């Protein structure tokens, strides 16, 4: 499959880029306001960085006892923590 666009598609994109937001008719494609069925991270994958981290043995054992992919669960637990504790300035 090729990623090239036709001249007609390029012309249409240029015409859209020249319009202001208010001039673009979106009636046939309404804004999505209900995100209850959305899946987080389906298309975006953050860059992972390998680190050495010292954890208490009982914490590591707990995560490992839940099956494979314990590192992913540790990452999710840390992410949940930072979302629940926003930075205070």
C-alpha atoms as a PDB file:
ATOM      1  CA  UNK A   1       0.000   0.000   0.000  1.00  0.00           C
ATOM      2  CA  UNK A   2       1.306   3.436  -0.901  1.00  0.00           C
ATOM      3  CA  UNK A   3       1.103   6.635   1.130  1.00  0.00           C
ATOM      4  CA  UNK A   4       1.039   8.941  -1.896  1.00  0.00           C
ATOM      5  CA  UNK A   5      -1.947  11.201  -2.330  1.00  0.00           C
ATOM      6  CA  UNK A   6      -3.480  12.226  -5.621  1.00  0.00           C
ATOM      7  CA  UNK A   7      -3.318  15.760  -6.989  1.00  0.00           C
ATOM      8  CA  UNK A   8      -7.047  16.114  -6.257  1.00  0.00           C
ATOM      9  CA  UNK A   9      -6.530  15.093  -2.620  1.00  0.00           C
ATOM     10  CA  UNK A  10      -3.610  17.509  -2.286  1.00  0.00           C
ATOM     11  CA  UNK A  11      -5.750  20.327  -3.722  1.00  0.00           C
ATOM     12  CA  UNK A  12      -8.601  19.513  -1.301  1.00  0.00           C
ATOM     13  CA  UNK A  13      -6.201  19.508   1.668  1.00  0.00           C
ATOM     14  CA  UNK A  14      -4.718  22.842   0.603  1.00  0.00           C
ATOM     15  CA  UNK A  15      -8.216  24.335   0.299  1.00  0.00           C
ATOM     16  CA  UNK A  16      -9.098  23.100   3.807  1.00  0.00           C
ATOM     17  CA  UNK A  17      -5.871  24.488   5.270  1.00  0.00           C
ATOM     18  CA  UNK A  18      -6.709  27.902   3.816  1.00  0.00           C
ATOM     19  CA  UNK A  19     -10.095  27.977   5.601  1.00  0.00           C
ATOM     20  CA  UNK A  20     -10.622  29.194   9.138  1.00  0.00           C
ATOM     21  CA  UNK A  21     -12.039  26.795  11.748  1.00  0.00           C
ATOM     22  CA  UNK A  22     -15.396  28.596  11.624  1.00  0.00           C
ATOM     23  CA  UNK A  23     -15.667  28.166   7.845  1.00  0.00           C
ATOM     24  CA  UNK A  24     -15.383  24.364   7.958  1.00  0.00           C
ATOM     25  CA  UNK A  25     -18.769  22.618   7.971  1.00  0.00           C
ATOM     26  CA  UNK A  26     -18.730  19.766  10.496  1.00  0.00           C
ATOM     27  CA  UNK A  27     -22.484  19.064  10.653  1.00  0.00           C
ATOM     28  CA  UNK A  28     -22.047  15.637   9.078  1.00  0.00           C
ATOM     29  CA  UNK A  29     -19.226  14.829  11.521  1.00  0.00           C
ATOM     30  CA  UNK A  30     -20.285  16.157  14.928  1.00  0.00           C
ATOM     31  CA  UNK A  31     -17.803  16.627  17.742  1.00  0.00           C
ATOM     32  CA  UNK A  32     -17.438  13.598  20.001  1.00  0.00           C
ATOM     33  CA  UNK A  33     -18.348  14.497  23.560  1.00  0.00           C
ATOM     34  CA  UNK A  34     -19.049  11.042  25.012  1.00  0.00           C
ATOM     35  CA  UNK A  35     -15.758   9.208  25.571  1.00  0.00           C
ATOM     36  CA  UNK A  36     -17.099   6.376  27.761  1.00  0.00           C
ATOM     37  CA  UNK A  37     -16.160   3.706  25.198  1.00  0.00           C
ATOM     38  CA  UNK A  38     -12.726   5.127  24.423  1.00  0.00           C
ATOM     39  CA  UNK A  39      -9.629   2.991  24.869  1.00  0.00           C
ATOM     40  CA  UNK A  40      -6.616   4.691  26.377  1.00  0.00           C
ATOM     41  CA  UNK A  41      -3.334   4.082  24.608  1.00  0.00           C
ATOM     42  CA  UNK A  42      -4.804   2.226  21.643  1.00  0.00           C
ATOM     43  CA  UNK A  43      -2.784   4.227  19.125  1.00  0.00           C
ATOM     44  CA  UNK A  44      -0.261   6.100  21.254  1.00  0.00           C
ATOM     45  CA  UNK A  45       2.580   4.167  22.791  1.00  0.00           C
ATOM     46  CA  UNK A  46       4.907   6.173  25.023  1.00  0.00           C
ATOM     47  CA  UNK A  47       8.621   5.678  24.621  1.00  0.00           C
ATOM     48  CA  UNK A  48       9.938   3.277  27.228  1.00  0.00           C
ATOM     49  CA  UNK A  49      13.240   3.851  28.994  1.00  0.00           C
ATOM     50  CA  UNK A  50      15.134   1.078  30.705  1.00  0.00           C
ATOM     51  CA  UNK A  51      16.138   1.860  34.281  1.00  0.00           C
ATOM     52  CA  UNK A  52      17.513   0.075  37.301  1.00  0.00           C
ATOM     53  CA  UNK A  53      15.176   0.445  40.233  1.00  0.00           C
ATOM     54  CA  UNK A  54      15.449  -0.947  43.733  1.00  0.00           C
ATOM     55  CA  UNK A  55      12.094  -2.070  45.130  1.00  0.00           C
ATOM     56  CA  UNK A  56      11.247  -3.728  48.405  1.00  0.00           C
ATOM     57  CA  UNK A  57      11.260  -7.495  47.916  1.00  0.00           C
ATOM     58  CA  UNK A  58       7.672  -7.899  49.119  1.00  0.00           C
ATOM     59  CA  UNK A  59       6.419  -5.308  46.599  1.00  0.00           C
ATOM     60  CA  UNK A  60       8.160  -7.038  43.728  1.00  0.00           C
ATOM     61  CA  UNK A  61       6.909 -10.441  44.894  1.00  0.00           C
ATOM     62  CA  UNK A  62       3.345  -9.111  45.026  1.00  0.00           C
ATOM     63  CA  UNK A  63       3.468  -7.811  41.432  1.00  0.00           C
ATOM     64  CA  UNK A  64       5.149 -10.994  40.175  1.00  0.00           C
ATOM     65  CA  UNK A  65       2.570 -13.190  41.965  1.00  0.00           C
ATOM     66  CA  UNK A  66      -0.156 -11.717  39.731  1.00  0.00           C
ATOM     67  CA  UNK A  67       1.360 -13.357  36.636  1.00  0.00           C
ATOM     68  CA  UNK A  68       3.504 -12.278  33.746  1.00  0.00           C
ATOM     69  CA  UNK A  69       3.888  -8.651  32.665  1.00  0.00           C
ATOM     70  CA  UNK A  70       4.588  -7.496  36.208  1.00  0.00           C
ATOM     71  CA  UNK A  71       6.668  -4.586  34.888  1.00  0.00           C
ATOM     72  CA  UNK A  72       3.657  -3.321  32.941  1.00  0.00           C
ATOM     73  CA  UNK A  73       1.547  -3.469  36.093  1.00  0.00           C
ATOM     74  CA  UNK A  74       4.193  -1.567  38.067  1.00  0.00           C
ATOM     75  CA  UNK A  75       4.223   1.079  35.326  1.00  0.00           C
ATOM     76  CA  UNK A  76       0.404   1.308  35.444  1.00  0.00           C
ATOM     77  CA  UNK A  77       0.443   1.644  39.249  1.00  0.00           C
ATOM     78  CA  UNK A  78       2.966   4.489  39.040  1.00  0.00           C
ATOM     79  CA  UNK A  79       0.948   6.213  36.306  1.00  0.00           C
ATOM     80  CA  UNK A  80      -2.236   5.928  38.383  1.00  0.00           C
ATOM     81  CA  UNK A  81      -0.416   7.438  41.353  1.00  0.00           C
ATOM     82  CA  UNK A  82       0.749  10.514  39.431  1.00  0.00           C
ATOM     83  CA  UNK A  83      -2.734  11.014  37.943  1.00  0.00           C
ATOM     84  CA  UNK A  84      -4.268  10.897  41.431  1.00  0.00           C
ATOM     85  CA  UNK A  85      -1.637  13.264  42.845  1.00  0.00           C
ATOM     86  CA  UNK A  86      -1.356  16.161  40.390  1.00  0.00           C
ATOM     87  CA  UNK A  87       1.599  18.462  40.764  1.00  0.00           C
ATOM     88  CA  UNK A  88       0.907  21.374  43.068  1.00  0.00           C
ATOM     89  CA  UNK A  89       2.531  24.676  42.194  1.00  0.00           C
END
